[in-house]
Amino acid sequence: MSCKFVLKSKTKWWPEAADLQEENEARAEAAELEVDELKSQLADYQQALDVQQTRAIQYTQALQALQRAKELCHLPDLTPESAEDWLDTFQAKEQEATEKLLSLDQKMSVAQTAHSQFEQAYQLVVAINGPVARSDAWSVARELLRDGMNQRHLAEQVQPLRMRLNELEQRLREQQEAERLLADFCKRQGKNYDFDDLEALHQELEARIASLSDSVSSASEQRMNLRQENGSAPVPFAKAPATRADLACRAEQPEPAQRAVRGKRLNPARTSRNTCNSCWSVSVKRSLSVMKSVTVNVKLTKRLNA
């Protein structure tokens, strides 16, 4: 009986308890949502507070920096409102100072390079010229450069000068040879000749050679005519005594020519006459050859002296 009563009581209050539980659960969820929202707001407030504190710190630092700027720049009227204008002014000055610094740095680099080059040039001048003062190094270097250009010019002229020297030496040898030939020629002729008389003597001897050649040709034709008139009979000739000219011609002839002359003993007069003419012709031709050499060398000597 009691159990049934308890069961009936529980069954009666069960829907109310269920409603109450649902209501409590809804309140709990709403409370949780409200707590989460409060937490979110608290976090936002904390972040905003941090920002405000950061800004306050920055503002304090800005005020301190502004005070230091007043003291350093000697600007008692510097305010936060005029700080931006002063900042633009100082930035422009900073840009100008930076450009000047870069220009000075470049000039310093150029100066260091020039100093290094000067030092190298100075050491080179000292090595070439010996010890010299730095103040005089520029003038000494210019003199050395001028001397170097002159020496280079002379070095370029060494080969032409050497060729010219060889040519002059050759002409000197030719002049000496011409003087020797002229002395020999004068000794053989027994008479002294000047250089100016050689051309006239040369022409005279050539004329005599031409005349003698004509005479020899005429004598040869006469001999041929006599042979044709007399047939094959030999023409008798009387033996003529050897003259001084014959002896001179024989002495000037080489050994084969002397043997040929000795082999023609059958007609001594004709042989002596032909041999003398031949020797005289050879002697004159040799003299003409010597005179030609002397004349050519004399002309070269006169040209060289001119």
C-alpha atoms as a PDB file:
ATOM      1  CA  MET A   1       0.000   0.000   0.000  1.00  0.00           C
ATOM      2  CA  SER A   2       2.719   2.359   0.926  1.00  0.00           C
ATOM      3  CA  CYS A   3       4.663   1.463  -2.188  1.00  0.00           C
ATOM      4  CA  LYS A   4       1.804   2.240  -4.418  1.00  0.00           C
ATOM      5  CA  PHE A   5       1.343   5.556  -2.667  1.00  0.00           C
ATOM      6  CA  VAL A   6       4.979   6.465  -3.174  1.00  0.00           C
ATOM      7  CA  LEU A   7       4.800   5.424  -6.791  1.00  0.00           C
ATOM      8  CA  LYS A   8       1.718   7.476  -7.369  1.00  0.00           C
ATOM      9  CA  SER A   9       3.370  10.474  -5.699  1.00  0.00           C
ATOM     10  CA  LYS A  10       6.447  10.193  -7.893  1.00  0.00           C
ATOM     11  CA  THR A  11       4.355   9.805 -10.979  1.00  0.00           C
ATOM     12  CA  LYS A  12       2.444  12.906 -10.058  1.00  0.00           C
ATOM     13  CA  TRP A  13       5.530  15.095  -9.496  1.00  0.00           C
ATOM     14  CA  TRP A  14       7.628  13.738 -12.418  1.00  0.00           C
ATOM     15  CA  PRO A  15       6.405  16.125 -15.141  1.00  0.00           C
ATOM     16  CA  GLU A  16       6.935  19.093 -12.881  1.00  0.00           C
ATOM     17  CA  ALA A  17      10.462  17.941 -12.122  1.00  0.00           C
ATOM     18  CA  ALA A  18      11.135  17.462 -15.801  1.00  0.00           C
ATOM     19  CA  ASP A  19       9.885  20.935 -16.582  1.00  0.00           C
ATOM     20  CA  LEU A  20      11.912  22.323 -13.752  1.00  0.00           C
ATOM     21  CA  GLN A  21      15.044  20.541 -15.001  1.00  0.00           C
ATOM     22  CA  GLU A  22      14.556  21.851 -18.520  1.00  0.00           C
ATOM     23  CA  GLU A  23      14.088  25.338 -17.144  1.00  0.00           C
ATOM     24  CA  ASN A  24      17.216  25.009 -15.014  1.00  0.00           C
ATOM     25  CA  GLU A  25      19.163  23.704 -18.001  1.00  0.00           C
ATOM     26  CA  ALA A  26      18.006  26.631 -20.120  1.00  0.00           C
ATOM     27  CA  ARG A  27      19.031  29.039 -17.369  1.00  0.00           C
ATOM     28  CA  ALA A  28      22.403  27.302 -17.105  1.00  0.00           C
ATOM     29  CA  GLU A  29      22.985  27.604 -20.863  1.00  0.00           C
ATOM     30  CA  ALA A  30      21.959  31.272 -20.800  1.00  0.00           C
ATOM     31  CA  ALA A  31      24.257  31.836 -17.856  1.00  0.00           C
ATOM     32  CA  GLU A  32      27.116  30.140 -19.698  1.00  0.00           C
ATOM     33  CA  LEU A  33      26.461  32.291 -22.760  1.00  0.00           C
ATOM     34  CA  GLU A  34      26.391  35.388 -20.612  1.00  0.00           C
ATOM     35  CA  VAL A  35      29.626  34.317 -18.915  1.00  0.00           C
ATOM     36  CA  ASP A  36      31.290  33.750 -22.318  1.00  0.00           C
ATOM     37  CA  GLU A  37      30.104  37.133 -23.506  1.00  0.00           C
ATOM     38  CA  LEU A  38      31.349  38.747 -20.317  1.00  0.00           C
ATOM     39  CA  LYS A  39      34.696  36.994 -20.797  1.00  0.00           C
ATOM     40  CA  SER A  40      34.872  38.257 -24.358  1.00  0.00           C
ATOM     41  CA  GLN A  41      34.052  41.778 -23.257  1.00  0.00           C
ATOM     42  CA  LEU A  42      36.588  41.495 -20.486  1.00  0.00           C
ATOM     43  CA  ALA A  43      39.212  40.396 -22.999  1.00  0.00           C
ATOM     44  CA  ASP A  44      38.343  43.321 -25.270  1.00  0.00           C
ATOM     45  CA  TYR A  45      38.512  45.682 -22.322  1.00  0.00           C
ATOM     46  CA  GLN A  46      41.855  44.192 -21.314  1.00  0.00           C
ATOM     47  CA  GLN A  47      43.194  44.583 -24.890  1.00  0.00           C
ATOM     48  CA  ALA A  48      41.916  48.134 -25.072  1.00  0.00           C
ATOM     49  CA  LEU A  49      43.487  48.786 -21.704  1.00  0.00           C
ATOM     50  CA  ASP A  50      46.777  47.410 -22.957  1.00  0.00           C
ATOM     51  CA  VAL A  51      46.536  49.621 -26.030  1.00  0.00           C
ATOM     52  CA  GLN A  52      45.786  52.604 -23.881  1.00  0.00           C
ATOM     53  CA  GLN A  53      48.662  51.797 -21.610  1.00  0.00           C
ATOM     54  CA  THR A  54      50.938  51.349 -24.655  1.00  0.00           C
ATOM     55  CA  ARG A  55      49.775  54.628 -26.068  1.00  0.00           C
ATOM     56  CA  ALA A  56      50.260  56.267 -22.720  1.00  0.00           C
ATOM     57  CA  ILE A  57      53.787  54.920 -22.587  1.00  0.00           C
ATOM     58  CA  GLN A  58      54.438  56.029 -26.174  1.00  0.00           C
ATOM     59  CA  TYR A  59      52.977  59.418 -25.438  1.00  0.00           C
ATOM     60  CA  THR A  60      55.181  59.724 -22.378  1.00  0.00           C
ATOM     61  CA  GLN A  61      58.182  58.677 -24.454  1.00  0.00           C
ATOM     62  CA  ALA A  62      57.186  61.152 -27.156  1.00  0.00           C
ATOM     63  CA  LEU A  63      57.000  63.923 -24.580  1.00  0.00           C
ATOM     64  CA  GLN A  64      60.400  62.944 -23.278  1.00  0.00           C
ATOM     65  CA  ALA A  65      61.820  62.838 -26.848  1.00  0.00           C
ATOM     66  CA  LEU A  66      60.251  66.204 -27.557  1.00  0.00           C
ATOM     67  CA  GLN A  67      61.890  67.598 -24.443  1.00  0.00           C
ATOM     68  CA  ARG A  68      65.274  66.169 -25.480  1.00  0.00           C
ATOM     69  CA  ALA A  69      64.782  67.602 -28.987  1.00  0.00           C
ATOM     70  CA  LYS A  70      64.133  71.028 -27.450  1.00  0.00           C
ATOM     71  CA  GLU A  71      67.328  70.775 -25.475  1.00  0.00           C
ATOM     72  CA  LEU A  72      69.500  69.337 -28.253  1.00  0.00           C
ATOM     73  CA  CYS A  73      68.197  71.506 -31.076  1.00  0.00           C
ATOM     74  CA  HIS A  74      67.864  74.593 -28.939  1.00  0.00           C
ATOM     75  CA  LEU A  75      64.225  74.994 -29.923  1.00  0.00           C
ATOM     76  CA  PRO A  76      62.286  76.187 -26.854  1.00  0.00           C
ATOM     77  CA  ASP A  77      59.175  76.826 -28.939  1.00  0.00           C
ATOM     78  CA  LEU A  78      59.028  73.213 -30.219  1.00  0.00           C
ATOM     79  CA  THR A  79      55.541  71.787 -29.718  1.00  0.00           C
ATOM     80  CA  PRO A  80      53.805  68.603 -30.851  1.00  0.00           C
ATOM     81  CA  GLU A  81      51.896  70.668 -33.410  1.00  0.00           C
ATOM     82  CA  SER A  82      55.093  72.143 -34.976  1.00  0.00           C
ATOM     83  CA  ALA A  83      57.105  68.912 -34.663  1.00  0.00           C
ATOM     84  CA  GLU A  84      56.017  67.696 -38.108  1.00  0.00           C
ATOM     85  CA  ASP A  85      57.270  70.871 -39.834  1.00  0.00           C
ATOM     86  CA  TRP A  86      60.513  70.700 -37.946  1.00  0.00           C
ATOM     87  CA  LEU A  87      60.797  66.997 -38.877  1.00  0.00           C
ATOM     88  CA  ASP A  88      60.490  67.842 -42.594  1.00  0.00           C
ATOM     89  CA  THR A  89      63.133  70.537 -42.169  1.00  0.00           C
ATOM     90  CA  PHE A  90      65.556  68.206 -40.412  1.00  0.00           C
ATOM     91  CA  GLN A  91      64.923  65.416 -42.927  1.00  0.00           C
ATOM     92  CA  ALA A  92      65.828  67.795 -45.765  1.00  0.00           C
ATOM     93  CA  LYS A  93      68.980  68.788 -43.889  1.00  0.00           C
ATOM     94  CA  GLU A  94      69.731  65.121 -43.282  1.00  0.00           C
ATOM     95  CA  GLN A  95      69.343  64.382 -47.018  1.00  0.00           C
ATOM     96  CA  GLU A  96      71.673  67.272 -47.878  1.00  0.00           C
ATOM     97  CA  ALA A  97      74.220  66.140 -45.291  1.00  0.00           C
ATOM     98  CA  THR A  98      74.017  62.567 -46.631  1.00  0.00           C
ATOM     99  CA  GLU A  99      74.694  63.770 -50.165  1.00  0.00           C
ATOM    100  CA  LYS A 100      77.658  65.829 -48.943  1.00  0.00           C
ATOM    101  CA  LEU A 101      78.948  62.829 -47.033  1.00  0.00           C
ATOM    102  CA  LEU A 102      78.702  60.595 -50.109  1.00  0.00           C
ATOM    103  CA  SER A 103      80.444  63.241 -52.211  1.00  0.00           C
ATOM    104  CA  LEU A 104      83.215  63.579 -49.635  1.00  0.00           C
ATOM    105  CA  ASP A 105      83.512  59.805 -49.447  1.00  0.00           C
ATOM    106  CA  GLN A 106      83.882  59.614 -53.222  1.00  0.00           C
ATOM    107  CA  LYS A 107      86.461  62.410 -53.179  1.00  0.00           C
ATOM    108  CA  MET A 108      88.300  60.605 -50.403  1.00  0.00           C
ATOM    109  CA  SER A 109      88.343  57.413 -52.476  1.00  0.00           C
ATOM    110  CA  VAL A 110      89.651  59.320 -55.513  1.00  0.00           C
ATOM    111  CA  ALA A 111      92.255  61.020 -53.326  1.00  0.00           C
ATOM    112  CA  GLN A 112      93.400  57.687 -51.910  1.00  0.00           C
ATOM    113  CA  THR A 113      93.653  56.232 -55.415  1.00  0.00           C
ATOM    114  CA  ALA A 114      95.600  59.288 -56.591  1.00  0.00           C
ATOM    115  CA  HIS A 115      97.864  59.028 -53.567  1.00  0.00           C
ATOM    116  CA  SER A 116      98.525  55.353 -54.302  1.00  0.00           C
ATOM    117  CA  GLN A 117      99.285  56.137 -57.944  1.00  0.00           C
ATOM    118  CA  PHE A 118     101.529  59.029 -56.931  1.00  0.00           C
ATOM    119  CA  GLU A 119     103.379  56.788 -54.522  1.00  0.00           C
ATOM    120  CA  GLN A 120     103.918  54.180 -57.231  1.00  0.00           C
ATOM    121  CA  ALA A 121     105.036  56.856 -59.710  1.00  0.00           C
ATOM    122  CA  TYR A 122     107.337  58.392 -57.089  1.00  0.00           C
ATOM    123  CA  GLN A 123     108.949  55.041 -56.364  1.00  0.00           C
ATOM    124  CA  LEU A 124     109.429  54.530 -60.117  1.00  0.00           C
ATOM    125  CA  VAL A 125     111.017  57.991 -60.466  1.00  0.00           C
ATOM    126  CA  VAL A 126     113.307  57.249 -57.512  1.00  0.00           C
ATOM    127  CA  ALA A 127     114.258  53.900 -59.076  1.00  0.00           C
ATOM    128  CA  ILE A 128     115.110  55.600 -62.394  1.00  0.00           C
ATOM    129  CA  ASN A 129     116.562  58.938 -61.297  1.00  0.00           C
ATOM    130  CA  GLY A 130     117.710  58.208 -57.767  1.00  0.00           C
ATOM    131  CA  PRO A 131     116.633  60.003 -54.570  1.00  0.00           C
ATOM    132  CA  VAL A 132     114.506  63.071 -55.295  1.00  0.00           C
ATOM    133  CA  ALA A 133     112.331  65.331 -53.164  1.00  0.00           C
ATOM    134  CA  ARG A 134     108.602  64.786 -53.383  1.00  0.00           C
ATOM    135  CA  SER A 135     108.071  68.442 -54.283  1.00  0.00           C
ATOM    136  CA  ASP A 136     110.398  68.034 -57.292  1.00  0.00           C
ATOM    137  CA  ALA A 137     109.063  64.635 -58.367  1.00  0.00           C
ATOM    138  CA  TRP A 138     106.592  66.120 -60.875  1.00  0.00           C
ATOM    139  CA  SER A 139     109.210  68.178 -62.765  1.00  0.00           C
ATOM    140  CA  VAL A 140     111.689  65.303 -62.700  1.00  0.00           C
ATOM    141  CA  ALA A 141     109.026  62.904 -63.980  1.00  0.00           C
ATOM    142  CA  ARG A 142     108.223  65.275 -66.863  1.00  0.00           C
ATOM    143  CA  GLU A 143     111.901  65.449 -67.767  1.00  0.00           C
ATOM    144  CA  LEU A 144     112.130  61.660 -67.642  1.00  0.00           C
ATOM    145  CA  LEU A 145     109.052  61.324 -69.842  1.00  0.00           C
ATOM    146  CA  ARG A 146     110.514  63.801 -72.335  1.00  0.00           C
ATOM    147  CA  ASP A 147     113.814  61.904 -72.332  1.00  0.00           C
ATOM    148  CA  GLY A 148     111.932  58.642 -72.723  1.00  0.00           C
ATOM    149  CA  MET A 149     110.095  59.961 -75.774  1.00  0.00           C
ATOM    150  CA  ASN A 150     113.392  61.140 -77.264  1.00  0.00           C
ATOM    151  CA  GLN A 151     115.043  57.798 -76.552  1.00  0.00           C
ATOM    152  CA  ARG A 152     112.071  55.967 -78.049  1.00  0.00           C
ATOM    153  CA  HIS A 153     112.373  58.152 -81.133  1.00  0.00           C
ATOM    154  CA  LEU A 154     116.084  57.406 -81.314  1.00  0.00           C
ATOM    155  CA  ALA A 155     115.411  53.703 -80.823  1.00  0.00           C
ATOM    156  CA  GLU A 156     113.018  53.772 -83.759  1.00  0.00           C
ATOM    157  CA  GLN A 157     115.744  55.379 -85.868  1.00  0.00           C
ATOM    158  CA  VAL A 158     118.415  52.813 -84.933  1.00  0.00           C
ATOM    159  CA  GLN A 159     117.673  50.507 -87.866  1.00  0.00           C
ATOM    160  CA  PRO A 160     117.586  53.310 -90.503  1.00  0.00           C
ATOM    161  CA  LEU A 161     120.742  54.824 -88.989  1.00  0.00           C
ATOM    162  CA  ARG A 162     122.457  51.431 -89.037  1.00  0.00           C
ATOM    163  CA  MET A 163     121.495  51.000 -92.690  1.00  0.00           C
ATOM    164  CA  ARG A 164     122.733  54.517 -93.408  1.00  0.00           C
ATOM    165  CA  LEU A 165     125.997  53.736 -91.584  1.00  0.00           C
ATOM    166  CA  ASN A 166     126.467  50.566 -93.624  1.00  0.00           C
ATOM    167  CA  GLU A 167     125.807  52.545 -96.773  1.00  0.00           C
ATOM    168  CA  LEU A 168     128.333  55.209 -95.758  1.00  0.00           C
ATOM    169  CA  GLU A 169     130.895  52.548 -94.895  1.00  0.00           C
ATOM    170  CA  GLN A 170     130.319  50.936 -98.283  1.00  0.00           C
ATOM    171  CA  ARG A 171     130.751  54.300 -99.990  1.00  0.00           C
ATOM    172  CA  LEU A 172     133.897  54.935 -97.963  1.00  0.00           C
ATOM    173  CA  ARG A 173     135.330  51.603 -99.089  1.00  0.00           C
ATOM    174  CA  GLU A 174     134.366  52.452-102.670  1.00  0.00           C
ATOM    175  CA  GLN A 175     136.061  55.845-102.298  1.00  0.00           C
ATOM    176  CA  GLN A 176     139.208  54.225-100.939  1.00  0.00           C
ATOM    177  CA  GLU A 177     139.101  51.658-103.733  1.00  0.00           C
ATOM    178  CA  ALA A 178     138.678  54.488-106.264  1.00  0.00           C
ATOM    179  CA  GLU A 179     141.674  56.321-104.818  1.00  0.00           C
ATOM    180  CA  ARG A 180     143.718  53.132-104.944  1.00  0.00           C
ATOM    181  CA  LEU A 181     142.696  52.469-108.559  1.00  0.00           C
ATOM    182  CA  LEU A 182     143.470  56.055-109.498  1.00  0.00           C
ATOM    183  CA  ALA A 183     146.907  55.832-107.873  1.00  0.00           C
ATOM    184  CA  ASP A 184     147.560  52.546-109.665  1.00  0.00           C
ATOM    185  CA  PHE A 185     146.392  54.035-112.943  1.00  0.00           C
ATOM    186  CA  CYS A 186     148.609  57.118-112.517  1.00  0.00           C
ATOM    187  CA  LYS A 187     151.567  54.881-111.612  1.00  0.00           C
ATOM    188  CA  ARG A 188     151.104  52.759-114.741  1.00  0.00           C
ATOM    189  CA  GLN A 189     150.682  55.781-116.947  1.00  0.00           C
ATOM    190  CA  GLY A 190     153.616  57.591-115.354  1.00  0.00           C
ATOM    191  CA  LYS A 191     151.552  60.727-114.984  1.00  0.00           C
ATOM    192  CA  ASN A 192     149.363  62.193-112.290  1.00  0.00           C
ATOM    193  CA  TYR A 193     145.704  62.808-113.097  1.00  0.00           C
ATOM    194  CA  ASP A 194     143.114  64.708-111.149  1.00  0.00           C
ATOM    195  CA  PHE A 195     139.564  63.480-110.648  1.00  0.00           C
ATOM    196  CA  ASP A 196     138.306  66.256-112.890  1.00  0.00           C
ATOM    197  CA  ASP A 197     140.562  65.143-115.800  1.00  0.00           C
ATOM    198  CA  LEU A 198     139.413  61.519-115.766  1.00  0.00           C
ATOM    199  CA  GLU A 199     136.256  62.128-117.781  1.00  0.00           C
ATOM    200  CA  ALA A 200     138.160  63.887-120.604  1.00  0.00           C
ATOM    201  CA  LEU A 201     140.870  61.196-120.572  1.00  0.00           C
ATOM    202  CA  HIS A 202     138.216  58.507-120.668  1.00  0.00           C
ATOM    203  CA  GLN A 203     136.626  60.038-123.747  1.00  0.00           C
ATOM    204  CA  GLU A 204     140.033  60.466-125.394  1.00  0.00           C
ATOM    205  CA  LEU A 205     140.978  56.816-124.801  1.00  0.00           C
ATOM    206  CA  GLU A 206     137.636  55.610-126.108  1.00  0.00           C
ATOM    207  CA  ALA A 207     138.183  57.682-129.229  1.00  0.00           C
ATOM    208  CA  ARG A 208     141.658  56.154-129.668  1.00  0.00           C
ATOM    209  CA  ILE A 209     140.237  52.653-129.171  1.00  0.00           C
ATOM    210  CA  ALA A 210     137.633  53.335-131.828  1.00  0.00           C
ATOM    211  CA  SER A 211     140.309  54.678-134.186  1.00  0.00           C
ATOM    212  CA  LEU A 212     142.570  51.690-133.576  1.00  0.00           C
ATOM    213  CA  SER A 213     139.650  49.319-134.065  1.00  0.00           C
ATOM    214  CA  ASP A 214     138.985  50.942-137.434  1.00  0.00           C
ATOM    215  CA  SER A 215     142.682  50.662-138.328  1.00  0.00           C
ATOM    216  CA  VAL A 216     142.757  46.988-137.368  1.00  0.00           C
ATOM    217  CA  SER A 217     139.634  46.325-139.404  1.00  0.00           C
ATOM    218  CA  SER A 218     141.135  48.127-142.391  1.00  0.00           C
ATOM    219  CA  ALA A 219     144.415  46.187-142.066  1.00  0.00           C
ATOM    220  CA  SER A 220     142.482  42.924-141.839  1.00  0.00           C
ATOM    221  CA  GLU A 221     140.595  43.770-145.029  1.00  0.00           C
ATOM    222  CA  GLN A 222     143.854  44.673-146.813  1.00  0.00           C
ATOM    223  CA  ARG A 223     145.410  41.417-145.679  1.00  0.00           C
ATOM    224  CA  MET A 224     142.440  39.487-146.947  1.00  0.00           C
ATOM    225  CA  ASN A 225     142.640  41.308-150.274  1.00  0.00           C
ATOM    226  CA  LEU A 226     146.361  40.531-150.541  1.00  0.00           C
ATOM    227  CA  ARG A 227     145.698  36.888-149.813  1.00  0.00           C
ATOM    228  CA  GLN A 228     143.028  36.768-152.483  1.00  0.00           C
ATOM    229  CA  GLU A 229     145.371  38.469-155.017  1.00  0.00           C
ATOM    230  CA  ASN A 230     148.392  36.269-154.231  1.00  0.00           C
ATOM    231  CA  GLY A 231     146.448  33.040-153.847  1.00  0.00           C
ATOM    232  CA  SER A 232     147.673  30.664-151.187  1.00  0.00           C
ATOM    233  CA  ALA A 233     151.328  31.812-151.350  1.00  0.00           C
ATOM    234  CA  PRO A 234     152.491  33.225-148.052  1.00  0.00           C
ATOM    235  CA  VAL A 235     153.660  36.803-148.010  1.00  0.00           C
ATOM    236  CA  PRO A 236     157.268  37.030-146.822  1.00  0.00           C
ATOM    237  CA  PHE A 237     157.974  39.273-143.906  1.00  0.00           C
ATOM    238  CA  ALA A 238     161.299  40.366-142.598  1.00  0.00           C
ATOM    239  CA  LYS A 239     162.070  39.626-139.009  1.00  0.00           C
ATOM    240  CA  ALA A 240     161.760  42.799-137.067  1.00  0.00           C
ATOM    241  CA  PRO A 241     163.677  43.362-133.879  1.00  0.00           C
ATOM    242  CA  ALA A 242     161.722  43.228-130.667  1.00  0.00           C
ATOM    243  CA  THR A 243     160.868  46.685-129.494  1.00  0.00           C
ATOM    244  CA  ARG A 244     160.277  47.955-125.968  1.00  0.00           C
ATOM    245  CA  ALA A 245     156.513  47.990-126.676  1.00  0.00           C
ATOM    246  CA  ASP A 246     156.695  44.329-127.752  1.00  0.00           C
ATOM    247  CA  LEU A 247     158.509  43.412-124.576  1.00  0.00           C
ATOM    248  CA  ALA A 248     155.970  45.333-122.470  1.00  0.00           C
ATOM    249  CA  CYS A 249     153.062  43.685-124.281  1.00  0.00           C
ATOM    250  CA  ARG A 250     154.629  40.244-123.812  1.00  0.00           C
ATOM    251  CA  ALA A 251     155.188  40.936-120.147  1.00  0.00           C
ATOM    252  CA  GLU A 252     151.540  41.964-119.691  1.00  0.00           C
ATOM    253  CA  GLN A 253     150.269  38.897-121.551  1.00  0.00           C
ATOM    254  CA  PRO A 254     149.435  35.752-119.557  1.00  0.00           C
ATOM    255  CA  GLU A 255     151.456  32.572-120.006  1.00  0.00           C
ATOM    256  CA  PRO A 256     149.026  30.949-122.531  1.00  0.00           C
ATOM    257  CA  ALA A 257     149.179  34.044-124.704  1.00  0.00           C
ATOM    258  CA  GLN A 258     153.008  34.030-124.548  1.00  0.00           C
ATOM    259  CA  ARG A 259     153.050  30.388-125.643  1.00  0.00           C
ATOM    260  CA  ALA A 260     150.733  31.278-128.533  1.00  0.00           C
ATOM    261  CA  VAL A 261     153.075  34.097-129.480  1.00  0.00           C
ATOM    262  CA  ARG A 262     156.085  31.788-129.309  1.00  0.00           C
ATOM    263  CA  GLY A 263     154.173  29.321-131.508  1.00  0.00           C
ATOM    264  CA  LYS A 264     153.832  31.895-134.258  1.00  0.00           C
ATOM    265  CA  ARG A 265     157.554  32.255-134.960  1.00  0.00           C
ATOM    266  CA  LEU A 266     156.901  31.602-138.677  1.00  0.00           C
ATOM    267  CA  ASN A 267     155.897  35.221-139.192  1.00  0.00           C
ATOM    268  CA  PRO A 268     157.636  37.200-136.451  1.00  0.00           C
ATOM    269  CA  ALA A 269     156.966  40.682-137.819  1.00  0.00           C
ATOM    270  CA  ARG A 270     153.252  40.156-138.254  1.00  0.00           C
ATOM    271  CA  THR A 271     153.021  38.309-134.951  1.00  0.00           C
ATOM    272  CA  SER A 272     154.860  41.081-133.148  1.00  0.00           C
ATOM    273  CA  ARG A 273     152.713  43.736-134.759  1.00  0.00           C
ATOM    274  CA  ASN A 274     149.426  41.915-134.016  1.00  0.00           C
ATOM    275  CA  THR A 275     150.533  41.044-130.509  1.00  0.00           C
ATOM    276  CA  CYS A 276     151.530  44.626-129.813  1.00  0.00           C
ATOM    277  CA  ASN A 277     148.216  45.936-131.091  1.00  0.00           C
ATOM    278  CA  SER A 278     146.330  43.346-129.070  1.00  0.00           C
ATOM    279  CA  CYS A 279     148.331  44.080-125.924  1.00  0.00           C
ATOM    280  CA  TRP A 280     147.900  47.804-126.348  1.00  0.00           C
ATOM    281  CA  SER A 281     144.176  47.320-126.912  1.00  0.00           C
ATOM    282  CA  VAL A 282     143.934  45.120-123.792  1.00  0.00           C
ATOM    283  CA  SER A 283     145.961  47.621-121.793  1.00  0.00           C
ATOM    284  CA  VAL A 284     143.818  50.511-122.964  1.00  0.00           C
ATOM    285  CA  LYS A 285     140.620  48.595-122.231  1.00  0.00           C
ATOM    286  CA  ARG A 286     141.916  47.687-118.803  1.00  0.00           C
ATOM    287  CA  SER A 287     142.801  51.312-118.219  1.00  0.00           C
ATOM    288  CA  LEU A 288     139.344  52.359-119.393  1.00  0.00           C
ATOM    289  CA  SER A 289     137.746  49.833-117.017  1.00  0.00           C
ATOM    290  CA  VAL A 290     139.819  51.224-114.161  1.00  0.00           C
ATOM    291  CA  MET A 291     138.900  54.765-115.179  1.00  0.00           C
ATOM    292  CA  LYS A 292     135.222  53.858-115.299  1.00  0.00           C
ATOM    293  CA  SER A 293     135.435  52.414-111.796  1.00  0.00           C
ATOM    294  CA  VAL A 294     137.332  55.451-110.603  1.00  0.00           C
ATOM    295  CA  THR A 295     134.838  57.795-112.289  1.00  0.00           C
ATOM    296  CA  VAL A 296     131.843  56.011-110.736  1.00  0.00           C
ATOM    297  CA  ASN A 297     133.470  56.027-107.317  1.00  0.00           C
ATOM    298  CA  VAL A 298     134.424  59.677-107.703  1.00  0.00           C
ATOM    299  CA  LYS A 299     130.822  60.556-108.549  1.00  0.00           C
ATOM    300  CA  LEU A 300     129.614  58.628-105.507  1.00  0.00           C
ATOM    301  CA  THR A 301     132.229  60.380-103.376  1.00  0.00           C
ATOM    302  CA  LYS A 302     131.133  63.798-104.607  1.00  0.00           C
ATOM    303  CA  ARG A 303     127.500  62.907-103.935  1.00  0.00           C
ATOM    304  CA  LEU A 304     128.420  61.670-100.460  1.00  0.00           C
ATOM    305  CA  ASN A 305     130.351  64.844 -99.690  1.00  0.00           C
ATOM    306  CA  ALA A 306     127.464  66.951-100.967  1.00  0.00           C
END
